[in-house]
N, C-alpha and C. Protein backbone atom coordinates (compact mmCIF):
# COMPACT_ATOMS: atom_id res chain seq x y z
N MET A 1 -7.58 -144.65 -19.54
CA MET A 1 -8.11 -143.42 -19.68
C MET A 1 -7.36 -142.36 -20.45
N LYS A 2 -8.13 -141.60 -21.24
CA LYS A 2 -7.18 -140.28 -21.47
C LYS A 2 -7.56 -139.12 -20.73
N LYS A 3 -6.64 -138.41 -21.53
CA LYS A 3 -6.26 -137.31 -20.35
C LYS A 3 -6.77 -135.69 -21.49
N LYS A 4 -7.85 -134.87 -20.49
CA LYS A 4 -8.18 -133.85 -21.02
C LYS A 4 -7.14 -132.88 -21.27
N GLU A 5 -7.03 -132.58 -22.96
CA GLU A 5 -6.31 -131.45 -22.90
C GLU A 5 -7.32 -130.06 -22.63
N ARG A 6 -6.15 -129.03 -21.88
CA ARG A 6 -6.58 -128.27 -21.58
C ARG A 6 -5.72 -126.81 -22.69
N LYS A 7 -7.26 -126.33 -23.09
CA LYS A 7 -6.53 -125.38 -23.90
C LYS A 7 -6.18 -123.70 -23.30
N VAL A 8 -5.22 -123.48 -23.80
CA VAL A 8 -4.34 -122.16 -23.27
C VAL A 8 -5.08 -121.24 -24.07
N TYR A 9 -5.29 -119.91 -23.74
CA TYR A 9 -6.00 -118.73 -24.12
C TYR A 9 -5.07 -117.74 -25.19
N GLU A 10 -4.92 -117.74 -26.08
CA GLU A 10 -3.81 -116.51 -26.92
C GLU A 10 -4.65 -115.65 -26.95
N PRO A 11 -3.84 -114.40 -27.03
CA PRO A 11 -4.78 -113.36 -27.02
C PRO A 11 -4.81 -112.85 -28.78
N GLU A 12 -3.86 -113.06 -29.15
CA GLU A 12 -3.26 -112.57 -30.39
C GLU A 12 -4.71 -113.12 -31.03
N GLN A 13 -5.73 -114.44 -30.81
CA GLN A 13 -6.53 -114.91 -31.54
C GLN A 13 -7.97 -113.91 -31.72
N ASP A 14 -8.01 -113.51 -30.70
CA ASP A 14 -9.15 -112.19 -30.60
C ASP A 14 -8.74 -110.97 -31.08
N TYR A 15 -7.65 -110.72 -31.02
CA TYR A 15 -7.47 -109.23 -31.78
C TYR A 15 -7.78 -108.98 -33.14
N PRO A 16 -8.21 -109.11 -33.91
CA PRO A 16 -8.91 -108.84 -34.80
C PRO A 16 -10.37 -108.38 -34.49
N LYS A 17 -10.83 -109.29 -33.95
CA LYS A 17 -12.14 -109.01 -33.94
C LYS A 17 -12.15 -108.13 -32.65
N ASP A 18 -11.79 -107.67 -31.54
CA ASP A 18 -11.21 -106.67 -30.69
C ASP A 18 -11.12 -105.26 -31.45
N PHE A 19 -10.42 -105.24 -32.29
CA PHE A 19 -9.97 -104.36 -33.16
C PHE A 19 -11.11 -103.37 -33.85
N GLN A 20 -12.10 -104.35 -34.27
CA GLN A 20 -13.34 -104.10 -34.92
C GLN A 20 -14.62 -103.41 -34.39
N ILE A 21 -14.51 -104.27 -32.99
CA ILE A 21 -15.49 -103.50 -31.94
C ILE A 21 -14.78 -101.99 -31.77
N ALA A 22 -13.59 -102.01 -31.00
CA ALA A 22 -12.84 -100.62 -30.62
C ALA A 22 -13.70 -99.40 -32.16
N LEU A 23 -13.12 -100.17 -33.34
CA LEU A 23 -13.46 -99.53 -34.33
C LEU A 23 -14.62 -98.49 -34.57
N ALA A 24 -15.30 -99.61 -34.50
CA ALA A 24 -17.16 -99.31 -34.50
C ALA A 24 -17.32 -98.12 -33.74
N ILE A 25 -16.97 -98.86 -32.36
CA ILE A 25 -17.16 -97.53 -31.20
C ILE A 25 -16.71 -96.42 -31.05
N SER A 26 -15.75 -96.40 -31.85
CA SER A 26 -15.07 -94.81 -32.01
C SER A 26 -15.94 -94.02 -32.82
N LEU A 27 -15.73 -94.94 -33.66
CA LEU A 27 -16.99 -93.70 -35.13
C LEU A 27 -18.60 -94.16 -34.77
N ILE A 28 -18.58 -93.98 -34.18
CA ILE A 28 -20.00 -94.37 -33.50
C ILE A 28 -20.07 -92.95 -32.45
N ILE A 29 -19.12 -92.72 -31.85
CA ILE A 29 -18.85 -91.58 -30.80
C ILE A 29 -18.68 -90.47 -31.64
N PHE A 30 -17.40 -90.77 -32.53
CA PHE A 30 -17.19 -89.70 -33.29
C PHE A 30 -18.22 -88.53 -34.49
N ILE A 31 -19.54 -89.63 -34.87
CA ILE A 31 -20.76 -89.50 -35.76
C ILE A 31 -21.36 -88.15 -34.36
N VAL A 32 -21.47 -88.82 -33.49
CA VAL A 32 -22.56 -88.62 -32.34
C VAL A 32 -22.42 -86.97 -31.97
N ILE A 33 -20.86 -86.94 -32.13
CA ILE A 33 -19.84 -85.43 -31.75
C ILE A 33 -20.24 -84.49 -32.41
N PHE A 34 -19.95 -85.44 -33.69
CA PHE A 34 -20.40 -84.23 -35.00
C PHE A 34 -21.35 -83.63 -35.20
N LEU A 35 -22.12 -84.35 -34.73
CA LEU A 35 -23.66 -83.87 -35.05
C LEU A 35 -24.54 -83.24 -33.66
N THR A 36 -23.61 -83.22 -32.53
CA THR A 36 -23.93 -82.62 -31.25
C THR A 36 -23.28 -81.10 -31.75
N VAL A 37 -21.80 -80.89 -32.01
CA VAL A 37 -20.93 -79.19 -32.46
C VAL A 37 -22.21 -79.37 -34.04
N LYS A 38 -22.71 -79.35 -34.84
CA LYS A 38 -22.98 -78.67 -35.79
C LYS A 38 -24.17 -78.45 -35.46
N SER A 39 -24.59 -79.10 -34.54
CA SER A 39 -26.30 -78.50 -34.04
C SER A 39 -26.17 -77.28 -33.31
N LEU A 40 -24.94 -76.76 -32.79
CA LEU A 40 -24.56 -76.04 -31.25
C LEU A 40 -24.79 -74.73 -32.35
N GLU A 41 -25.40 -73.44 -32.30
CA GLU A 41 -25.33 -72.06 -32.83
C GLU A 41 -23.62 -71.46 -31.99
N VAL A 42 -22.84 -70.86 -32.26
CA VAL A 42 -21.42 -70.40 -31.55
C VAL A 42 -22.50 -68.32 -31.57
N LYS A 43 -22.38 -67.74 -30.80
CA LYS A 43 -22.75 -66.33 -30.95
C LYS A 43 -21.97 -65.64 -30.36
N PRO A 44 -21.85 -64.39 -30.58
CA PRO A 44 -20.84 -63.65 -30.21
C PRO A 44 -20.76 -62.93 -29.02
N TYR A 45 -19.72 -62.88 -28.05
CA TYR A 45 -20.09 -62.38 -26.95
C TYR A 45 -20.66 -61.13 -26.79
N LYS A 46 -21.68 -60.80 -26.12
CA LYS A 46 -22.33 -59.36 -26.05
C LYS A 46 -22.16 -59.01 -24.50
N PRO A 47 -21.43 -57.84 -23.95
CA PRO A 47 -21.41 -57.33 -23.25
C PRO A 47 -22.78 -57.28 -22.36
N LYS A 48 -22.79 -57.84 -20.70
CA LYS A 48 -23.89 -57.23 -20.43
C LYS A 48 -24.11 -55.53 -20.41
N GLU A 49 -25.60 -55.24 -20.83
CA GLU A 49 -25.57 -53.60 -20.22
C GLU A 49 -26.36 -53.47 -19.17
N GLU A 50 -25.81 -52.85 -18.00
CA GLU A 50 -26.21 -52.28 -17.22
C GLU A 50 -26.98 -51.26 -17.46
N VAL A 51 -28.79 -51.38 -16.71
CA VAL A 51 -29.32 -50.43 -16.74
C VAL A 51 -29.54 -49.87 -15.62
N GLU A 52 -29.15 -48.35 -15.78
CA GLU A 52 -29.02 -47.90 -14.79
C GLU A 52 -30.20 -47.09 -14.56
N THR A 53 -30.87 -46.92 -13.39
CA THR A 53 -32.02 -46.48 -12.86
C THR A 53 -32.01 -45.26 -12.28
N ILE A 54 -32.90 -43.92 -12.91
CA ILE A 54 -32.33 -42.94 -12.18
C ILE A 54 -33.73 -42.41 -11.32
N VAL A 55 -33.57 -42.02 -10.43
CA VAL A 55 -34.91 -41.79 -9.60
C VAL A 55 -34.85 -40.69 -9.52
N GLU A 56 -35.68 -39.59 -10.13
CA GLU A 56 -36.21 -38.02 -9.75
C GLU A 56 -36.77 -38.20 -8.55
N PRO A 57 -36.10 -37.24 -7.68
CA PRO A 57 -36.79 -36.85 -6.53
C PRO A 57 -38.22 -35.74 -6.96
N THR A 58 -39.12 -36.57 -5.76
CA THR A 58 -40.53 -35.89 -6.29
C THR A 58 -40.27 -34.25 -5.69
N PRO A 59 -41.03 -33.65 -5.86
CA PRO A 59 -40.86 -32.07 -5.34
C PRO A 59 -41.95 -31.90 -3.71
N GLN A 60 -41.27 -31.73 -2.77
CA GLN A 60 -41.62 -31.60 -1.95
C GLN A 60 -42.89 -30.27 -1.19
N GLU A 61 -43.80 -30.32 -1.43
CA GLU A 61 -44.79 -29.15 -1.16
C GLU A 61 -44.64 -28.17 0.14
N LEU A 62 -43.99 -27.29 0.09
CA LEU A 62 -43.85 -26.37 1.47
C LEU A 62 -44.86 -25.85 2.02
N GLU A 63 -44.84 -25.86 3.07
CA GLU A 63 -46.11 -25.81 3.81
C GLU A 63 -46.30 -24.13 3.96
N GLN A 64 -46.94 -23.60 3.93
CA GLN A 64 -46.92 -22.32 4.29
C GLN A 64 -47.86 -21.74 5.42
N ILE A 65 -46.68 -21.57 6.35
CA ILE A 65 -46.94 -20.61 8.00
C ILE A 65 -47.11 -19.80 7.76
N GLU A 66 -48.34 -19.49 7.90
CA GLU A 66 -49.03 -18.04 8.51
C GLU A 66 -48.70 -17.40 10.18
N GLU A 67 -47.55 -16.17 9.29
CA GLU A 67 -46.93 -15.43 10.19
C GLU A 67 -48.56 -15.32 11.47
N PRO A 68 -48.47 -15.05 12.49
CA PRO A 68 -48.76 -14.71 13.70
C PRO A 68 -48.76 -13.04 13.23
N PRO A 69 -50.11 -12.12 13.63
CA PRO A 69 -50.42 -11.00 13.31
C PRO A 69 -50.03 -9.95 14.57
N PRO A 70 -49.08 -8.88 14.29
CA PRO A 70 -48.29 -8.02 15.70
C PRO A 70 -49.12 -7.99 16.69
N PRO A 71 -48.60 -7.96 17.78
CA PRO A 71 -49.85 -7.31 18.72
C PRO A 71 -50.02 -5.88 18.58
N SER A 72 -50.81 -5.71 19.12
CA SER A 72 -51.64 -4.70 18.92
C SER A 72 -51.16 -3.41 19.50
N LYS A 73 -50.51 -2.00 19.51
CA LYS A 73 -50.42 -1.65 20.32
C LYS A 73 -51.14 -1.08 21.26
N PRO A 74 -51.08 -0.80 22.81
CA PRO A 74 -52.16 -0.82 23.42
C PRO A 74 -52.43 0.66 23.49
N GLN A 75 -53.89 1.00 23.49
CA GLN A 75 -54.13 2.05 23.45
C GLN A 75 -54.40 2.96 24.65
N LEU A 76 -53.88 4.23 24.76
CA LEU A 76 -53.46 5.29 25.81
C LEU A 76 -55.11 5.60 26.16
N PRO A 77 -55.66 5.56 27.18
CA PRO A 77 -56.29 6.92 27.57
C PRO A 77 -56.17 8.32 26.97
N VAL A 78 -57.56 9.08 26.18
CA VAL A 78 -57.14 10.00 25.76
C VAL A 78 -57.13 11.21 26.83
N GLU A 79 -57.88 10.88 27.94
CA GLU A 79 -57.65 11.74 28.77
C GLU A 79 -56.37 11.67 29.63
N ALA A 80 -55.64 11.23 29.73
CA ALA A 80 -54.36 10.44 30.26
C ALA A 80 -53.46 11.13 29.22
N ALA A 81 -53.48 10.65 28.18
CA ALA A 81 -52.80 11.94 27.13
C ALA A 81 -52.93 13.67 27.63
N GLU A 82 -53.93 14.06 27.50
CA GLU A 82 -53.88 15.21 27.46
C GLU A 82 -53.23 15.92 28.58
N SER A 83 -53.89 15.11 29.51
CA SER A 83 -52.85 15.32 31.12
C SER A 83 -51.26 15.38 31.00
N GLU A 84 -51.02 14.58 30.16
CA GLU A 84 -49.47 14.45 30.24
C GLU A 84 -49.35 16.11 29.32
N GLU A 85 -49.27 15.91 28.25
CA GLU A 85 -49.51 17.26 27.45
C GLU A 85 -49.47 18.56 28.36
N ALA A 86 -50.47 18.38 29.28
CA ALA A 86 -50.60 19.44 29.96
C ALA A 86 -49.74 20.04 31.13
N ALA A 87 -49.90 19.06 31.44
CA ALA A 87 -48.37 18.87 32.68
C ALA A 87 -47.07 19.16 32.02
N GLU A 88 -46.39 18.41 30.57
CA GLU A 88 -45.38 19.24 29.90
C GLU A 88 -45.55 20.38 29.94
N GLU A 89 -46.66 21.53 29.97
CA GLU A 89 -46.47 22.69 28.77
C GLU A 89 -46.48 23.35 30.19
N GLU A 90 -47.01 22.63 31.47
CA GLU A 90 -46.79 23.66 32.60
C GLU A 90 -45.17 23.86 33.24
N GLU A 91 -44.19 22.50 32.79
CA GLU A 91 -43.39 22.71 33.22
C GLU A 91 -42.44 23.44 32.65
N ASP A 92 -41.42 24.48 33.17
CA ASP A 92 -40.21 24.93 32.15
C ASP A 92 -39.16 24.08 32.82
N VAL A 93 -38.71 24.10 30.88
CA VAL A 93 -37.53 23.05 30.67
C VAL A 93 -36.42 24.22 30.44
N GLU A 94 -35.32 24.16 31.33
CA GLU A 94 -34.70 25.29 31.28
C GLU A 94 -33.47 24.43 30.19
N ILE A 95 -33.03 25.06 29.46
CA ILE A 95 -31.90 24.24 28.04
C ILE A 95 -30.85 25.40 28.91
N ALA A 96 -29.70 24.44 28.91
CA ALA A 96 -28.75 24.51 29.27
C ALA A 96 -27.71 25.28 28.41
N PRO A 97 -27.11 26.60 28.07
CA PRO A 97 -26.48 27.45 26.79
C PRO A 97 -25.29 26.31 26.25
N THR A 98 -25.62 26.43 25.33
CA THR A 98 -24.05 26.05 24.60
C THR A 98 -22.98 26.50 25.12
N THR A 99 -21.70 25.80 25.10
CA THR A 99 -21.05 26.31 25.43
C THR A 99 -19.74 26.76 23.83
N GLU A 100 -19.99 27.81 23.90
CA GLU A 100 -19.31 28.15 22.53
C GLU A 100 -17.39 28.36 22.68
N PHE A 101 -17.20 27.49 21.84
CA PHE A 101 -15.65 27.49 22.07
C PHE A 101 -14.79 28.64 20.73
N ASN A 102 -14.60 29.05 21.54
CA ASN A 102 -13.53 30.34 20.53
C ASN A 102 -12.29 29.76 20.01
N GLU A 103 -12.52 30.05 18.63
CA GLU A 103 -11.26 29.41 17.40
C GLU A 103 -10.03 30.15 18.72
N LEU A 104 -8.67 28.79 18.98
CA LEU A 104 -7.88 29.20 19.27
C LEU A 104 -6.50 30.42 17.84
N GLU A 105 -6.56 31.18 18.78
CA GLU A 105 -5.62 32.17 18.48
C GLU A 105 -4.19 32.32 18.14
N ALA A 106 -3.91 32.07 17.16
CA ALA A 106 -2.78 31.96 17.10
C ALA A 106 -1.70 32.79 17.42
N PRO A 107 -0.67 32.15 18.21
CA PRO A 107 0.04 33.65 18.46
C PRO A 107 0.43 34.73 17.66
N PRO A 108 0.10 35.81 18.55
CA PRO A 108 1.05 36.53 17.34
C PRO A 108 2.71 36.59 17.16
N PRO A 109 3.27 36.59 15.66
CA PRO A 109 4.59 36.67 16.02
C PRO A 109 5.44 37.91 16.34
N PRO A 110 6.38 36.69 16.85
CA PRO A 110 7.12 37.98 17.90
C PRO A 110 7.48 39.25 17.18
N LYS A 111 7.85 40.38 17.95
CA LYS A 111 7.47 41.79 17.10
C LYS A 111 9.37 42.14 16.74
N THR A 112 9.61 42.10 15.29
CA THR A 112 10.94 42.45 14.89
C THR A 112 11.25 43.65 14.77
N GLU A 113 12.26 44.30 15.51
CA GLU A 113 12.72 45.37 15.79
C GLU A 113 12.82 45.89 14.23
N GLU A 114 12.56 47.14 14.08
CA GLU A 114 12.51 48.14 12.93
C GLU A 114 14.28 48.05 12.95
N ALA A 115 14.43 47.97 11.96
CA ALA A 115 16.19 48.24 11.16
C ALA A 115 16.09 50.01 10.64
N TYR A 116 17.05 50.37 11.51
CA TYR A 116 16.96 52.03 11.10
C TYR A 116 18.58 51.98 10.04
N GLU A 117 17.81 53.50 9.11
CA GLU A 117 18.65 53.39 7.67
C GLU A 117 20.08 54.41 8.71
N PHE A 118 21.26 54.38 8.12
CA PHE A 118 22.33 55.11 8.90
C PHE A 118 22.21 56.42 9.30
N TYR A 119 21.35 56.87 8.26
CA TYR A 119 21.09 58.47 8.30
C TYR A 119 19.90 58.83 9.37
N ALA A 120 19.41 58.39 9.99
CA ALA A 120 17.97 58.09 10.81
C ALA A 120 18.13 57.59 11.93
N VAL A 121 19.67 57.38 12.72
CA VAL A 121 19.90 57.30 14.01
C VAL A 121 20.56 58.53 14.73
N GLU A 122 20.41 58.10 15.67
CA GLU A 122 21.33 59.77 16.72
C GLU A 122 22.41 59.17 16.54
N VAL A 123 22.94 57.72 16.89
CA VAL A 123 24.41 57.51 16.96
C VAL A 123 24.53 56.82 16.10
N LYS A 124 25.74 56.51 15.65
CA LYS A 124 26.07 55.83 14.57
C LYS A 124 26.55 54.44 14.88
N PRO A 125 26.95 53.23 13.77
CA PRO A 125 27.14 52.17 14.32
C PRO A 125 29.14 53.00 13.88
N GLN A 126 29.90 52.60 14.78
CA GLN A 126 31.46 52.68 14.39
C GLN A 126 32.35 51.46 13.81
N VAL A 127 32.88 50.98 13.19
CA VAL A 127 33.59 50.14 13.06
C VAL A 127 34.56 50.08 14.12
N LEU A 128 34.62 48.31 14.52
CA LEU A 128 36.00 48.62 15.49
C LEU A 128 36.97 47.03 14.79
N LYS A 129 36.12 46.28 13.89
CA LYS A 129 37.49 45.74 13.24
C LYS A 129 36.81 45.59 11.93
N ARG A 130 37.67 45.85 10.80
CA ARG A 130 37.64 45.46 9.90
C ARG A 130 38.51 44.17 8.54
N TYR A 131 37.77 43.60 7.86
CA TYR A 131 38.97 43.03 7.33
C TYR A 131 38.82 43.21 5.81
N GLU A 132 39.86 43.07 5.12
CA GLU A 132 40.10 43.25 4.11
C GLU A 132 39.97 42.02 2.81
N PRO A 133 39.14 42.50 2.21
CA PRO A 133 38.74 40.98 0.84
C PRO A 133 39.58 40.46 0.57
N VAL A 134 39.44 39.44 0.09
CA VAL A 134 40.38 37.97 -0.83
C VAL A 134 40.60 38.39 -2.21
N TYR A 135 41.65 39.17 -2.80
CA TYR A 135 42.02 39.45 -3.97
C TYR A 135 42.10 38.42 -5.03
N ASP A 136 40.76 37.94 -5.92
CA ASP A 136 41.14 36.84 -6.67
C ASP A 136 41.84 36.65 -7.90
N GLU A 137 42.22 35.53 -7.97
CA GLU A 137 44.06 35.30 -8.13
C GLU A 137 43.64 35.37 -9.71
N MET A 138 42.65 35.00 -10.61
CA MET A 138 42.51 35.71 -11.51
C MET A 138 42.08 36.50 -12.34
N ALA A 139 41.18 37.33 -11.66
CA ALA A 139 41.23 38.88 -11.62
C ALA A 139 43.14 38.91 -11.50
N LYS A 140 43.76 39.09 -9.92
CA LYS A 140 44.72 39.47 -10.54
C LYS A 140 45.89 39.04 -11.59
N LYS A 141 45.50 37.80 -11.95
CA LYS A 141 46.65 37.77 -13.15
C LYS A 141 46.41 38.06 -14.44
N ALA A 142 45.19 38.26 -14.59
CA ALA A 142 44.44 39.83 -15.83
C ALA A 142 44.66 41.14 -15.88
N GLY A 143 45.39 41.58 -14.32
CA GLY A 143 44.90 42.82 -14.14
C GLY A 143 43.83 43.51 -13.74
N ILE A 144 43.07 43.03 -13.23
CA ILE A 144 41.40 43.49 -13.21
C ILE A 144 41.38 43.95 -11.86
N GLU A 145 41.07 45.07 -12.08
CA GLU A 145 40.64 46.43 -10.80
C GLU A 145 39.28 46.41 -10.75
N GLY A 146 38.58 46.95 -9.52
CA GLY A 146 37.34 47.19 -9.03
C GLY A 146 37.17 47.59 -7.96
N GLN A 147 35.68 47.85 -7.47
CA GLN A 147 34.81 48.09 -6.69
C GLN A 147 33.65 48.31 -6.40
N VAL A 148 33.34 47.16 -4.65
CA VAL A 148 32.37 47.20 -4.86
C VAL A 148 31.58 47.26 -3.54
N PHE A 149 30.16 47.63 -3.58
CA PHE A 149 29.54 48.52 -2.09
C PHE A 149 28.82 47.75 -1.86
N ILE A 150 29.10 47.20 -0.75
CA ILE A 150 27.99 46.07 0.50
C ILE A 150 27.20 47.00 1.61
N LYS A 151 26.37 46.65 1.56
CA LYS A 151 25.19 47.16 2.48
C LYS A 151 24.83 46.13 3.59
N ALA A 152 25.33 45.93 4.96
CA ALA A 152 25.07 45.34 5.62
C ALA A 152 24.16 45.62 7.11
N LEU A 153 23.75 44.75 7.12
CA LEU A 153 22.78 44.67 8.50
C LEU A 153 23.46 44.55 10.33
N VAL A 154 23.60 45.52 10.58
CA VAL A 154 24.43 45.51 11.95
C VAL A 154 23.79 45.29 13.17
N ASP A 155 23.75 44.57 14.21
CA ASP A 155 22.73 43.72 15.02
C ASP A 155 22.55 45.09 16.00
N GLU A 156 21.70 44.88 17.24
CA GLU A 156 21.81 45.69 18.55
C GLU A 156 23.47 45.45 19.12
N THR A 157 24.15 43.96 18.77
CA THR A 157 25.14 43.69 19.32
C THR A 157 26.69 43.89 18.52
N GLY A 158 26.40 44.69 17.70
CA GLY A 158 27.74 45.29 16.98
C GLY A 158 27.89 43.78 15.29
N HIS A 159 27.23 43.23 15.85
CA HIS A 159 27.69 42.08 14.61
C HIS A 159 26.51 42.14 13.26
N VAL A 160 27.41 41.90 12.03
CA VAL A 160 26.68 41.55 11.11
C VAL A 160 25.99 40.56 10.93
N THR A 161 24.45 40.80 10.75
CA THR A 161 23.61 39.77 10.34
C THR A 161 22.82 39.51 8.90
N ASP A 162 23.22 40.37 8.22
CA ASP A 162 22.99 40.50 6.95
C ASP A 162 23.68 41.22 5.62
N VAL A 163 24.32 40.81 4.70
CA VAL A 163 24.75 41.63 4.22
C VAL A 163 23.91 41.46 2.28
N ARG A 164 23.85 42.34 1.44
CA ARG A 164 23.49 42.92 0.50
C ARG A 164 25.00 43.40 -0.21
N VAL A 165 24.71 42.97 -1.70
CA VAL A 165 25.35 43.72 -2.97
C VAL A 165 24.47 45.10 -3.20
N LEU A 166 25.41 46.26 -2.74
CA LEU A 166 24.71 47.37 -3.20
C LEU A 166 24.77 47.70 -4.99
N ARG A 167 26.30 47.77 -5.05
CA ARG A 167 26.48 47.95 -6.28
C ARG A 167 27.99 47.50 -6.47
N SER A 168 28.15 47.06 -7.77
CA SER A 168 29.86 46.51 -8.29
C SER A 168 30.00 46.87 -9.29
N THR A 169 31.02 47.12 -9.65
CA THR A 169 31.62 46.72 -11.07
C THR A 169 31.89 45.87 -11.89
N ASN A 170 32.26 44.92 -10.87
CA ASN A 170 32.42 43.32 -11.69
C ASN A 170 32.49 41.91 -10.53
N PRO A 171 31.23 41.36 -11.19
CA PRO A 171 30.58 40.52 -10.39
C PRO A 171 31.53 39.37 -10.06
N VAL A 172 33.12 39.36 -10.38
CA VAL A 172 33.85 38.63 -9.34
C VAL A 172 34.64 38.85 -8.33
N PHE A 173 34.26 40.07 -7.77
CA PHE A 173 34.39 41.29 -6.43
C PHE A 173 33.52 40.45 -5.51
N GLU A 174 32.29 40.15 -6.12
CA GLU A 174 31.02 40.47 -4.99
C GLU A 174 31.76 39.99 -3.97
N ALA A 175 31.53 38.74 -4.47
CA ALA A 175 31.18 37.39 -3.48
C ALA A 175 32.66 37.35 -2.10
N PRO A 176 33.83 37.63 -2.94
CA PRO A 176 34.97 37.91 -1.29
C PRO A 176 34.23 39.64 -0.53
N ALA A 177 33.91 40.37 -1.51
CA ALA A 177 33.31 41.75 -0.80
C ALA A 177 32.71 41.01 0.35
N MET A 178 31.26 40.46 0.28
CA MET A 178 30.24 39.92 1.04
C MET A 178 31.16 39.02 2.13
N GLU A 179 31.74 37.85 2.13
CA GLU A 179 32.65 37.56 2.60
C GLU A 179 33.17 38.06 4.03
N ALA A 180 33.98 39.14 3.34
CA ALA A 180 34.82 40.21 4.53
C ALA A 180 33.72 41.12 5.16
N ALA A 181 32.58 41.26 4.41
CA ALA A 181 31.54 42.29 4.99
C ALA A 181 30.95 41.28 6.55
N ARG A 182 30.76 40.13 6.38
CA ARG A 182 29.93 39.28 7.25
C ARG A 182 31.19 39.04 8.45
N LYS A 183 32.59 39.18 8.39
CA LYS A 183 33.16 39.36 9.59
C LYS A 183 33.57 40.91 10.48
N PHE A 184 32.93 41.77 9.79
CA PHE A 184 33.05 42.80 10.51
C PHE A 184 32.79 43.19 11.70
N LEU A 185 33.16 43.79 12.51
CA LEU A 185 32.51 44.07 14.22
C LEU A 185 32.48 45.85 14.44
N PHE A 186 31.18 46.23 14.74
CA PHE A 186 30.70 47.51 15.49
C PHE A 186 30.35 47.56 16.37
N LYS A 187 30.92 48.73 16.61
CA LYS A 187 30.14 49.60 17.91
C LYS A 187 28.69 49.69 17.80
N PRO A 188 27.49 49.63 18.25
CA PRO A 188 26.29 49.55 17.71
C PRO A 188 25.73 50.70 17.75
N GLY A 189 24.61 51.17 16.63
CA GLY A 189 24.09 52.45 17.07
C GLY A 189 23.13 52.57 17.64
N TYR A 190 22.86 54.05 18.01
CA TYR A 190 21.44 54.19 19.19
C TYR A 190 20.72 54.83 18.58
N GLN A 191 19.16 54.77 19.05
CA GLN A 191 18.56 55.45 19.08
C GLN A 191 17.11 55.68 20.49
N ARG A 192 17.57 57.18 20.45
CA ARG A 192 16.95 57.09 21.95
C ARG A 192 17.33 56.45 22.93
N ASP A 193 18.79 56.26 23.18
CA ASP A 193 19.19 55.64 23.95
C ASP A 193 19.30 54.40 24.33
N LYS A 194 19.04 53.91 23.05
CA LYS A 194 19.27 52.25 23.48
C LYS A 194 19.38 51.94 21.77
N PRO A 195 20.36 50.68 21.87
CA PRO A 195 20.66 49.89 20.79
C PRO A 195 19.75 49.52 19.88
N VAL A 196 20.20 49.54 18.35
CA VAL A 196 19.23 49.53 17.33
C VAL A 196 19.89 48.89 16.32
N LYS A 197 19.32 48.18 14.97
CA LYS A 197 19.47 47.96 14.03
C LYS A 197 19.67 48.83 12.88
N VAL A 198 20.66 48.55 12.53
CA VAL A 198 20.95 50.17 11.86
C VAL A 198 21.93 49.21 10.53
N TRP A 199 21.54 49.76 9.27
CA TRP A 199 22.24 49.18 7.76
C TRP A 199 22.89 50.60 7.74
N VAL A 200 23.96 49.45 7.22
CA VAL A 200 25.84 50.32 6.93
C VAL A 200 25.65 49.95 5.18
N VAL A 201 26.46 50.91 4.70
CA VAL A 201 27.49 50.58 3.39
C VAL A 201 28.76 51.06 3.67
N ILE A 202 29.34 49.43 3.23
CA ILE A 202 30.48 49.10 3.18
C ILE A 202 31.21 49.06 2.33
N PRO A 203 32.05 49.75 1.68
CA PRO A 203 33.14 50.03 0.63
C PRO A 203 34.23 49.33 0.23
N PHE A 204 34.21 48.83 -0.52
CA PHE A 204 35.59 47.44 -0.94
C PHE A 204 36.10 47.94 -2.47
N ARG A 205 37.67 48.18 -2.12
CA ARG A 205 38.23 49.09 -3.41
C ARG A 205 39.03 47.44 -4.05
N PHE A 206 39.00 47.05 -4.80
CA PHE A 206 40.20 45.77 -5.52
C PHE A 206 41.47 46.41 -6.16
N LYS A 207 42.44 46.78 -5.83
CA LYS A 207 43.25 47.41 -6.48
C LYS A 207 44.40 46.71 -6.38
N LEU A 208 45.56 46.89 -7.76
CA LEU A 208 46.56 45.91 -7.78
C LEU A 208 47.57 47.27 -7.17
N THR A 209 48.30 46.86 -6.42
CA THR A 209 50.05 47.01 -6.20
C THR A 209 51.04 47.14 -6.75
N LYS A 210 51.29 47.66 -7.26
CA LYS A 210 52.62 47.64 -8.01
C LYS A 210 54.19 48.07 -7.04
């Protein structure tokens, strides 16, 4: 009895056949893809435009509100008005007199006692203390001499309150003469047994001693 021989499957035998089938399938797929891509049109990308909707407000009609008429003033009876006017005429209305404010008058200035001239008083002022003026050094070195007459006001106490240059031979001696005259002290002059202000003249002589 003969034994059946088993055939061993060898893949190398079917390789050419399988390769041809795979190649045909690949070619068909490639053709399909090519045709599909060709039919598609590539369009450029366009951004979506947003459309803004503007809603215009509709004007509202204002309702006109009618104002009520002002209330009518109550009319007074003519007879009552006439009676009131008659009553007002009968009544005597006294008007208080307006107060008049007198303008405030400034107080009068204090009376300044009159100053008398030396010759016009009954009792003449007398010198109690006299002062010699300071000789100016520049005038002394230059050998300048001179004379100044000072008019001085002697008050009720005998003090000199005002001085004036009456006459001067050189201005350089005026200031020293005025300063010396202010220091003089007098016995005041009298008029009607009362001390008064008197103008006196004080002479100052500037002379160099040899």
